[in-house]
Every structure is written in structure tokens, then in C-alpha cells.
Amino acid sequence: MGSVSLRLPDELEQKLDAEADRSGQPRSQLIRDAIAELIARRERERVLAEVTAAARVLASDPTALAEARQIAEDFVEAENDALDVAEGRRPGQPWREELGERWWK
């Protein structure tokens, strides 16, 4: 395992010490966890930005947009069946509200 040396402002070091005391974890573990969380968050943000950029490109292409809409339409029935099963109904079974039942008591 590598090591890193860094300087912290006094106030941040005091907060780190207080958190280490409260959590019972060593300062170094708190710092490792914080760095890992920061890197994971930034990676998620980069992936989301890339997906958003790709979606914008596809949305600006009429052919790709039409194909995506067709695919979505093709899967609506399967998605509805999966939702029925996940909610404990047989696929196609009416909702309780459609039968005049209330879902609240």
C-alpha cells in the first residue's frame, strides 16, 4: 500500500479528529473512505455525462429517434406484464382500483 502525505487546515484536522473519535476509526481509514467516495462519485458523474451526451446525439438523429420509439413500443407489453408480476398480479389482471376497490384503508 502506498502512502500519501498531506497538509490540512487546522479546522479540517480538528473535524477529522472529532470524527475519528466518534466513529472509533483511525484517521487514515476515514481519509481512505473519503477519497474512495469522491473518486466513485466523480466516475459516476463522468459516465452520466457521457450517457447524456450520447442520448442527445441519438435524439437529434431522426432515424435513431424513430427506431428508439419503435423499440419502446415493442417492449411496452412485456414491461407491463413484468410490472404486474412484480406487484403480485397475473399479467393483464385488472388493478384493484379498476374493480372499484380502494388501495388505502
Protein backbone atom coordinates (compact mmCIF):
# COMPACT_ATOMS: atom_id res chain seq x y z
CA MET A 1 0.00 0.00 0.00
CA GLY A 2 1.33 3.39 -0.94
CA SER A 3 1.42 6.37 1.34
CA VAL A 4 0.49 10.00 0.87
CA SER A 5 1.47 12.96 2.96
CA LEU A 6 -0.78 15.99 3.04
CA ARG A 7 -1.33 19.16 4.97
CA LEU A 8 -4.76 20.01 6.31
CA PRO A 9 -6.07 23.33 7.55
CA ASP A 10 -6.32 23.29 11.37
CA GLU A 11 -10.12 23.40 11.33
CA LEU A 12 -10.37 20.42 8.95
CA GLU A 13 -7.88 18.44 11.01
CA GLN A 14 -9.92 19.13 14.16
CA LYS A 15 -13.07 17.90 12.41
CA LEU A 16 -11.22 14.81 11.23
CA ASP A 17 -10.00 14.09 14.75
CA ALA A 18 -13.51 14.56 16.16
CA GLU A 19 -14.99 12.20 13.56
CA ALA A 20 -12.29 9.62 14.24
CA ASP A 21 -13.13 9.77 17.95
CA ARG A 22 -16.89 9.50 17.32
CA SER A 23 -16.61 6.64 14.83
CA GLY A 24 -13.79 4.78 16.53
CA GLN A 25 -11.95 4.58 13.21
CA PRO A 26 -8.40 5.70 12.57
CA ARG A 27 -7.97 8.99 10.75
CA SER A 28 -6.25 7.21 7.88
CA GLN A 29 -9.30 4.96 7.34
CA LEU A 30 -11.62 7.97 7.27
CA ILE A 31 -9.38 9.66 4.73
CA ARG A 32 -9.22 6.49 2.57
CA ASP A 33 -13.02 6.18 2.68
CA ALA A 34 -13.49 9.85 1.78
CA ILE A 35 -11.10 9.62 -1.17
CA ALA A 36 -12.74 6.40 -2.42
CA GLU A 37 -16.19 8.01 -2.17
CA LEU A 38 -15.03 11.13 -4.02
CA ILE A 39 -13.46 9.11 -6.84
CA ALA A 40 -16.54 6.87 -7.18
CA ARG A 41 -18.83 9.93 -7.31
CA ARG A 42 -16.70 11.60 -9.97
CA GLU A 43 -16.61 8.39 -12.04
CA ARG A 44 -20.43 8.16 -11.86
CA GLU A 45 -20.71 11.81 -12.90
CA ARG A 46 -18.39 11.23 -15.89
CA VAL A 47 -20.34 8.15 -17.02
CA LEU A 48 -23.63 10.02 -16.65
CA ALA A 49 -22.25 12.92 -18.70
CA GLU A 50 -21.14 10.51 -21.43
CA VAL A 51 -24.53 8.78 -21.49
CA THR A 52 -26.29 12.15 -21.60
CA ALA A 53 -24.11 13.31 -24.50
CA ALA A 54 -24.77 10.07 -26.41
CA ALA A 55 -28.50 10.36 -25.78
CA ARG A 56 -28.51 13.92 -27.08
CA VAL A 57 -26.74 12.81 -30.26
CA LEU A 58 -29.24 9.98 -30.78
CA ALA A 59 -32.19 12.25 -30.02
CA SER A 60 -31.02 14.68 -32.70
CA ASP A 61 -30.94 11.89 -35.33
CA PRO A 62 -34.50 11.37 -36.70
CA THR A 63 -33.77 7.80 -37.82
CA ALA A 64 -32.32 6.78 -34.45
CA LEU A 65 -35.16 8.51 -32.63
CA ALA A 66 -37.79 6.67 -34.69
CA GLU A 67 -36.03 3.36 -34.06
CA ALA A 68 -35.84 4.03 -30.31
CA ARG A 69 -39.56 4.85 -30.22
CA GLN A 70 -40.38 1.65 -32.09
CA ILE A 71 -38.27 -0.42 -29.69
CA ALA A 72 -40.00 1.24 -26.74
CA GLU A 73 -43.42 0.44 -28.20
CA ASP A 74 -42.37 -3.17 -28.81
CA PHE A 75 -41.45 -3.61 -25.14
CA VAL A 76 -44.44 -1.88 -23.50
CA GLU A 77 -46.50 -5.07 -23.20
CA ALA A 78 -43.59 -7.10 -21.77
CA GLU A 79 -42.78 -4.33 -19.31
CA ASN A 80 -46.40 -4.12 -18.20
CA ASP A 81 -46.50 -7.90 -17.69
CA ALA A 82 -43.30 -7.73 -15.63
CA LEU A 83 -44.80 -4.94 -13.54
CA ASP A 84 -47.94 -6.99 -12.95
CA VAL A 85 -45.87 -9.96 -11.75
CA ALA A 86 -43.71 -7.73 -9.53
CA GLU A 87 -46.85 -6.33 -7.91
CA GLY A 88 -48.33 -9.77 -7.32
CA ARG A 89 -50.91 -9.79 -10.13
CA ARG A 90 -51.25 -12.13 -13.06
CA PRO A 91 -50.27 -10.37 -16.29
CA GLY A 92 -53.27 -8.50 -17.63
CA GLN A 93 -55.26 -8.79 -14.38
CA PRO A 94 -57.07 -5.50 -13.66
CA TRP A 95 -55.87 -3.17 -10.94
CA ARG A 96 -57.92 -3.14 -7.74
CA GLU A 97 -58.92 0.43 -8.47
CA GLU A 98 -60.37 -0.70 -11.81
CA LEU A 99 -62.53 -3.17 -9.90
CA GLY A 100 -63.81 -0.43 -7.62
CA GLU A 101 -61.56 -1.41 -4.72
CA ARG A 102 -59.51 1.10 -2.77
CA TRP A 103 -55.82 0.51 -2.13
CA TRP A 104 -55.98 2.57 1.07
CA LYS A 105 -57.81 1.72 4.28
